[in-house]
Amino acid sequence: MKKELGFIGLGRMGLNMTTLLIEKGYRVITVSRSEKSDAAASKVGVEVVADYAALKESLAPERLVWLMVPGEAVEGVMEELLPHLDPGDTVVDGGNSFYQKSLARHKSLEEKELNFLDCGTSGGMEGARHGASIMVGGQPEVFDRHEHVFAALAAENAYARVGNPGAGHFVKMIHNGIEYGMMGAIAEGVTVLHEHEEEFGIDLKEVLKPYEHESIITSKLVSWLREAYDEGQIDMITGEVPTGETEFEMEHIIAELGDVKVLEAALAQRKGTREKASYLGKLVAAMRNQFGGHKVIKPE
C-alpha cells in the first residue's frame, strides 16, 4: 500500500500533523496558499502543488485528502476540491466541524460516489506533533481502508472508529464540553488558592507539583497550567477568555442535548470574564493558549 495523502490546512495543528506523517514515511501533498505557508510546508518535506487539479494528478486513485481547516472554511474548501476527485476517493474532515454539517456532507458525498469520514482530533499542538487522540465517524469499510493513517497520527491506543457517519464530530463535541467543565473546575479551585495565598503562605507553583503528579486530578490541563505559571504567562494576560471556535456547539449541547449543569456553569464562567475580567479568566485563557495556541488578550 502506497503511503500518501493530500493535506489541506497547514496551520498550528496541520503542520505538526504533516511533520509526523512524513517522519513515519508518508508522502504528503498540499495546495499552494501563500509564500509563508508554502515555505513552512516545504521545510518539513510536504510537496506543494499549484492547485487541486495538480493535487489530483499527484495522488494515485482511491485518493485520501485530509482537511485540517477551521469549521467555517470547510464548505469553501470542499467546493473547490470535490470537482477534482473521482468516485472511490475519500475526504477526511479532521477539524472542529459541527456534527450536523458532517452528517449532511456524508450524504452529499455519497451521492457523488465519494467517501467521507468525520474525525474529531484532540491533544493540542503537542498531540498533533507527537500523537493525537482521534475519533472517527463513518462507514466501517472506508475507515478500515484508511486506518493506517489514523494509526500513524494517533498516540498509542488513542484512535478509534467511534460510530456511524457524524459520530466522530459528535463525540468530539461532547469531549469539548467535558473539557470546558474540567478547565473551569481547575481554574475555579486555583483561583480560591490564589485568594488565600497570603493567609497560608501558599506558593502556587509548588502546589501544582503534587497536583500534576499522581493525584486524582493529574491531567494535561494541570500540566499546561503549571507551564503557564513557569513561563510567567499569568501576569502577562488579562482575565478575559476570548470567544472560541466551539462555543456555539456548547450552547447547542445545553439547549438541545441534555441536562449538562457543569458545562452550563463553565460556559457562563467564560462569558462572565468578558463582562468583568478575573483571575479565573487568566487561568482558563492560559490553559487554552498552552494546548492550542488559542488567542489571549494582553494588557494595553
Protein backbone atom coordinates (compact mmCIF):
# COMPACT_ATOMS: atom_id res chain seq x y z
CA MET A 1 0.00 0.00 0.00
CA LYS A 2 1.38 3.39 -1.04
CA LYS A 3 1.55 5.71 1.95
CA GLU A 4 0.43 9.04 0.58
CA LEU A 5 -2.31 11.62 1.02
CA GLY A 6 -3.31 15.16 0.26
CA PHE A 7 -3.45 17.51 3.23
CA ILE A 8 -5.20 20.88 3.21
CA GLY A 9 -4.68 23.26 6.11
CA LEU A 10 -1.15 23.66 7.46
CA GLY A 11 -1.86 25.87 10.45
CA ARG A 12 -0.93 25.23 14.08
CA MET A 13 -2.25 21.66 14.05
CA GLY A 14 -1.88 20.73 10.40
CA LEU A 15 1.82 21.50 10.02
CA ASN A 16 2.63 19.40 13.07
CA MET A 17 0.49 16.52 11.80
CA THR A 18 2.12 16.52 8.38
CA THR A 19 5.56 16.60 10.00
CA LEU A 20 4.64 13.48 11.99
CA LEU A 21 3.31 11.73 8.87
CA ILE A 22 6.47 12.46 6.91
CA GLU A 23 8.59 11.12 9.75
CA LYS A 24 6.54 7.92 9.50
CA GLY A 25 7.25 7.52 5.80
CA TYR A 26 4.23 9.16 4.20
CA ARG A 27 4.27 11.24 1.07
CA VAL A 28 2.18 14.35 1.83
CA ILE A 29 0.99 16.85 -0.78
CA THR A 30 -0.69 20.21 -0.24
CA VAL A 31 -2.01 23.03 -2.40
CA SER A 32 -0.17 26.35 -2.53
CA ARG A 33 -1.71 29.00 -0.25
CA SER A 34 0.88 31.68 0.50
CA GLU A 35 4.63 32.13 0.25
CA LYS A 36 4.98 31.78 4.03
CA SER A 37 2.77 28.67 4.24
CA ASP A 38 4.44 27.05 1.23
CA ALA A 39 7.90 27.64 2.70
CA ALA A 40 6.90 26.11 6.05
CA ALA A 41 5.40 23.09 4.26
CA SER A 42 8.43 22.54 2.06
CA LYS A 43 10.75 22.82 5.05
CA VAL A 44 9.22 19.73 6.70
CA GLY A 45 9.04 17.77 3.44
CA VAL A 46 5.49 18.41 2.24
CA GLU A 47 5.17 18.64 -1.55
CA VAL A 48 3.43 21.84 -2.66
CA VAL A 49 1.40 21.85 -5.90
CA ALA A 50 -0.29 24.75 -7.64
CA ASP A 51 -3.96 23.76 -7.39
CA TYR A 52 -6.48 20.98 -6.78
CA ALA A 53 -6.14 19.67 -10.33
CA ALA A 54 -2.42 19.14 -9.70
CA LEU A 55 -3.20 17.56 -6.33
CA LYS A 56 -5.43 15.01 -8.06
CA GLU A 57 -2.76 14.16 -10.62
CA SER A 58 -0.16 13.75 -7.88
CA LEU A 59 -2.11 11.06 -6.00
CA ALA A 60 -3.00 7.52 -7.07
CA PRO A 61 -6.72 6.60 -7.40
CA GLU A 62 -8.67 5.92 -4.23
CA ARG A 63 -7.10 9.13 -3.03
CA LEU A 64 -7.27 10.37 0.54
CA VAL A 65 -7.43 14.11 1.19
CA TRP A 66 -7.35 15.31 4.81
CA LEU A 67 -8.84 18.72 5.66
CA MET A 68 -7.50 20.49 8.76
CA VAL A 69 -9.14 23.88 8.44
CA PRO A 70 -11.49 25.90 10.68
CA GLY A 71 -15.10 24.71 10.63
CA GLU A 72 -16.31 27.79 8.77
CA ALA A 73 -13.76 27.19 5.98
CA VAL A 74 -14.66 23.55 5.24
CA GLU A 75 -17.52 24.30 2.84
CA GLY A 76 -15.43 26.60 0.66
CA VAL A 77 -12.51 24.16 0.52
CA MET A 78 -14.80 21.29 -0.42
CA GLU A 79 -16.45 23.32 -3.18
CA GLU A 80 -13.01 23.79 -4.73
CA LEU A 81 -11.76 20.27 -4.05
CA LEU A 82 -14.65 17.93 -4.91
CA PRO A 83 -14.80 18.61 -8.68
CA HIS A 84 -11.25 17.24 -8.87
CA LEU A 85 -11.94 13.94 -7.11
CA ASP A 86 -13.03 10.62 -8.63
CA PRO A 87 -15.52 8.02 -7.36
CA GLY A 88 -13.87 6.00 -4.60
CA ASP A 89 -11.76 8.89 -3.30
CA THR A 90 -12.09 9.85 0.38
CA VAL A 91 -12.19 13.17 2.22
CA VAL A 92 -11.43 13.33 5.96
CA ASP A 93 -12.51 16.40 7.90
CA GLY A 94 -10.20 16.45 10.93
CA GLY A 95 -11.25 19.84 12.29
CA ASN A 96 -13.98 21.05 14.64
CA SER A 97 -16.93 20.91 12.25
CA PHE A 98 -20.46 20.82 13.65
CA TYR A 99 -21.71 17.23 13.58
CA GLN A 100 -24.96 18.10 11.78
CA LYS A 101 -22.96 19.60 8.90
CA SER A 102 -20.84 16.45 8.84
CA LEU A 103 -23.98 14.30 8.56
CA ALA A 104 -25.06 16.37 5.55
CA ARG A 105 -21.60 16.07 3.98
CA HIS A 106 -21.63 12.29 4.33
CA LYS A 107 -24.90 12.22 2.36
CA SER A 108 -23.78 14.78 -0.23
CA LEU A 109 -20.51 12.97 -0.97
CA GLU A 110 -22.20 9.58 -1.08
CA GLU A 111 -24.41 10.91 -3.89
CA LYS A 112 -21.20 11.74 -5.77
CA GLU A 113 -19.79 8.24 -5.07
CA LEU A 114 -17.17 9.82 -2.82
CA ASN A 115 -16.35 8.75 0.74
CA PHE A 116 -16.31 10.96 3.81
CA LEU A 117 -15.00 10.46 7.34
CA ASP A 118 -15.65 12.98 10.12
CA CYS A 119 -12.75 12.99 12.54
CA GLY A 120 -12.50 14.69 15.91
CA THR A 121 -8.88 15.47 16.77
CA SER A 122 -7.71 16.30 20.29
CA GLY A 123 -4.39 16.82 22.04
CA GLY A 124 -3.45 20.33 21.02
CA MET A 125 -0.28 21.22 19.15
CA GLU A 126 1.81 18.76 21.16
CA GLY A 127 -0.55 15.91 20.30
CA ALA A 128 -0.57 16.91 16.65
CA ARG A 129 3.21 16.71 16.61
CA HIS A 130 3.77 13.53 18.63
CA GLY A 131 0.47 11.62 18.54
CA ALA A 132 -3.08 12.88 18.96
CA SER A 133 -6.40 11.50 20.18
CA ILE A 134 -8.55 10.71 17.14
CA MET A 135 -12.30 9.95 16.99
CA VAL A 136 -13.63 8.84 13.60
CA GLY A 137 -17.18 8.59 12.32
CA GLY A 138 -18.13 6.88 9.06
CA GLN A 139 -18.69 3.64 7.21
CA PRO A 140 -16.59 0.74 8.58
CA GLU A 141 -15.16 -0.26 5.21
CA VAL A 142 -13.97 3.30 4.49
CA PHE A 143 -12.39 3.56 7.94
CA ASP A 144 -10.69 0.17 7.50
CA ARG A 145 -9.20 1.24 4.16
CA HIS A 146 -7.55 4.31 5.68
CA GLU A 147 -6.99 3.12 9.25
CA HIS A 148 -3.22 3.18 8.77
CA VAL A 149 -3.31 7.00 8.56
CA PHE A 150 -5.24 7.35 11.81
CA ALA A 151 -2.81 4.93 13.47
CA ALA A 152 0.13 6.99 12.22
CA LEU A 153 -1.32 10.25 13.56
CA ALA A 154 -2.51 8.96 16.93
CA ALA A 155 -0.75 8.23 20.19
CA GLU A 156 -0.76 4.59 21.32
CA ASN A 157 -4.32 3.26 21.75
CA ALA A 158 -5.63 6.76 21.01
CA TYR A 159 -7.74 6.33 17.88
CA ALA A 160 -10.98 4.54 17.07
CA ARG A 161 -13.94 4.45 14.75
CA VAL A 162 -16.42 5.64 17.35
CA GLY A 163 -19.60 5.18 15.33
CA ASN A 164 -21.56 5.86 12.17
CA PRO A 165 -21.42 8.99 9.97
CA GLY A 166 -21.46 12.10 12.16
CA ALA A 167 -20.32 10.25 15.28
CA GLY A 168 -16.71 11.46 15.08
CA HIS A 169 -17.61 15.13 15.36
CA PHE A 170 -20.46 14.43 17.78
CA VAL A 171 -18.11 12.55 20.15
CA LYS A 172 -15.51 15.33 19.81
CA MET A 173 -18.15 17.96 20.59
CA ILE A 174 -19.06 16.16 23.81
CA HIS A 175 -15.34 15.81 24.57
CA ASN A 176 -15.07 19.59 24.23
CA GLY A 177 -17.94 20.01 26.68
CA ILE A 178 -16.16 17.80 29.22
CA GLU A 179 -13.00 19.84 28.61
CA TYR A 180 -14.87 23.09 29.34
CA GLY A 181 -16.02 21.66 32.67
CA MET A 182 -12.59 20.35 33.64
CA MET A 183 -10.87 23.63 32.78
CA GLY A 184 -13.50 25.56 34.69
CA ALA A 185 -13.10 23.39 37.79
CA ILE A 186 -9.30 23.63 37.75
CA ALA A 187 -9.38 27.39 37.24
CA GLU A 188 -12.01 27.83 39.96
CA GLY A 189 -10.00 25.84 42.51
CA VAL A 190 -6.70 27.54 41.76
CA THR A 191 -8.44 30.91 41.97
CA VAL A 192 -9.53 30.08 45.53
CA LEU A 193 -5.94 29.10 46.35
CA HIS A 194 -4.74 32.39 44.86
CA GLU A 195 -7.17 34.31 47.06
CA HIS A 196 -5.68 32.63 50.17
CA GLU A 197 -2.00 32.79 49.19
CA GLU A 198 -1.12 35.35 51.85
CA GLU A 199 -3.19 33.71 54.60
CA PHE A 200 -1.46 30.32 54.25
CA GLY A 201 1.80 31.36 52.61
CA ILE A 202 0.80 29.34 49.55
CA ASP A 203 3.20 29.05 46.60
CA LEU A 204 1.02 28.17 43.60
CA LYS A 205 3.96 26.87 41.57
CA GLU A 206 4.69 24.40 44.37
CA VAL A 207 1.02 23.48 44.75
CA LEU A 208 0.90 22.41 41.12
CA LYS A 209 3.71 19.86 41.58
CA PRO A 210 1.63 17.40 43.65
CA TYR A 211 -1.49 18.30 41.68
CA GLU A 212 0.36 17.45 38.46
CA HIS A 213 1.82 14.11 39.54
CA GLU A 214 -0.16 11.07 40.70
CA SER A 215 -3.09 12.96 42.20
CA ILE A 216 -6.70 12.23 41.24
CA ILE A 217 -6.81 15.49 39.26
CA THR A 218 -3.49 14.90 37.48
CA SER A 219 -4.02 15.78 33.81
CA LYS A 220 -2.52 17.55 30.84
CA LEU A 221 -4.60 20.58 31.78
CA VAL A 222 -2.89 20.84 35.17
CA SER A 223 0.49 20.40 33.48
CA TRP A 224 -0.28 23.12 30.96
CA LEU A 225 -1.35 25.46 33.75
CA ARG A 226 1.88 24.78 35.59
CA GLU A 227 3.81 25.59 32.40
CA ALA A 228 1.91 28.86 32.10
CA TYR A 229 2.99 29.81 35.64
CA ASP A 230 6.58 28.78 34.93
CA GLU A 231 6.63 30.99 31.85
CA GLY A 232 5.16 33.95 33.72
CA GLN A 233 2.20 33.94 31.36
CA ILE A 234 -0.47 34.51 34.02
CA ASP A 235 0.76 38.04 34.72
CA MET A 236 1.06 38.85 31.01
CA ILE A 237 -2.60 38.41 30.02
CA THR A 238 -5.88 39.98 31.04
CA GLY A 239 -8.56 37.96 32.76
CA GLU A 240 -10.83 37.67 29.72
CA VAL A 241 -11.39 34.41 27.84
CA PRO A 242 -11.88 35.16 24.12
CA THR A 243 -14.78 33.51 22.30
CA GLY A 244 -13.66 30.11 20.98
CA GLU A 245 -14.47 28.25 17.77
CA THR A 246 -16.51 25.61 19.64
CA GLU A 247 -18.58 27.88 21.86
CA PHE A 248 -21.70 27.71 19.71
CA GLU A 249 -21.52 23.91 19.97
CA MET A 250 -21.56 24.16 23.75
CA GLU A 251 -24.69 26.29 23.52
CA HIS A 252 -26.21 23.61 21.28
CA ILE A 253 -25.46 20.88 23.83
CA ILE A 254 -27.03 22.96 26.62
CA ALA A 255 -30.13 23.84 24.60
CA GLU A 256 -30.75 20.59 22.75
CA LEU A 257 -28.98 17.53 24.11
CA GLY A 258 -29.41 17.03 27.83
CA ASP A 259 -29.01 18.07 31.44
CA VAL A 260 -25.44 19.41 31.49
CA LYS A 261 -25.20 21.66 34.51
CA VAL A 262 -21.38 21.52 34.73
CA LEU A 263 -20.99 22.62 31.11
CA GLU A 264 -23.61 25.31 31.60
CA ALA A 265 -21.68 26.71 34.57
CA ALA A 266 -18.33 26.52 32.76
CA LEU A 267 -19.69 28.38 29.73
CA ALA A 268 -21.21 31.03 31.99
CA GLN A 269 -17.80 31.39 33.70
CA ARG A 270 -16.15 32.15 30.37
CA LYS A 271 -18.80 34.60 29.25
CA GLY A 272 -18.64 36.32 32.62
CA THR A 273 -14.96 37.13 32.10
CA ARG A 274 -15.92 39.23 29.07
CA GLU A 275 -18.05 41.45 31.29
CA LYS A 276 -15.63 41.52 34.21
CA ALA A 277 -12.06 40.27 33.83
CA SER A 278 -10.96 37.89 36.58
CA TYR A 279 -8.10 35.75 37.83
CA LEU A 280 -10.13 32.69 36.81
CA GLY A 281 -10.26 34.12 33.29
CA LYS A 282 -6.47 34.39 33.25
CA LEU A 283 -6.17 30.72 34.14
CA VAL A 284 -8.65 29.44 31.54
CA ALA A 285 -7.12 31.65 28.84
CA ALA A 286 -3.62 30.47 29.76
CA MET A 287 -4.57 26.78 29.58
CA ARG A 288 -6.22 27.29 26.19
CA ASN A 289 -3.15 29.08 24.89
CA GLN A 290 -0.80 26.38 26.16
CA PHE A 291 -2.51 23.44 24.49
CA GLY A 292 -3.90 25.00 21.35
CA GLY A 293 -2.15 28.30 20.80
CA HIS A 294 -5.53 29.99 21.27
CA LYS A 295 -5.63 33.75 21.42
CA VAL A 296 -5.04 35.56 24.71
CA ILE A 297 -5.67 39.22 25.39
CA LYS A 298 -2.71 41.14 26.78
CA PRO A 299 -2.93 44.33 28.84
CA GLU A 300 -2.56 47.52 26.81
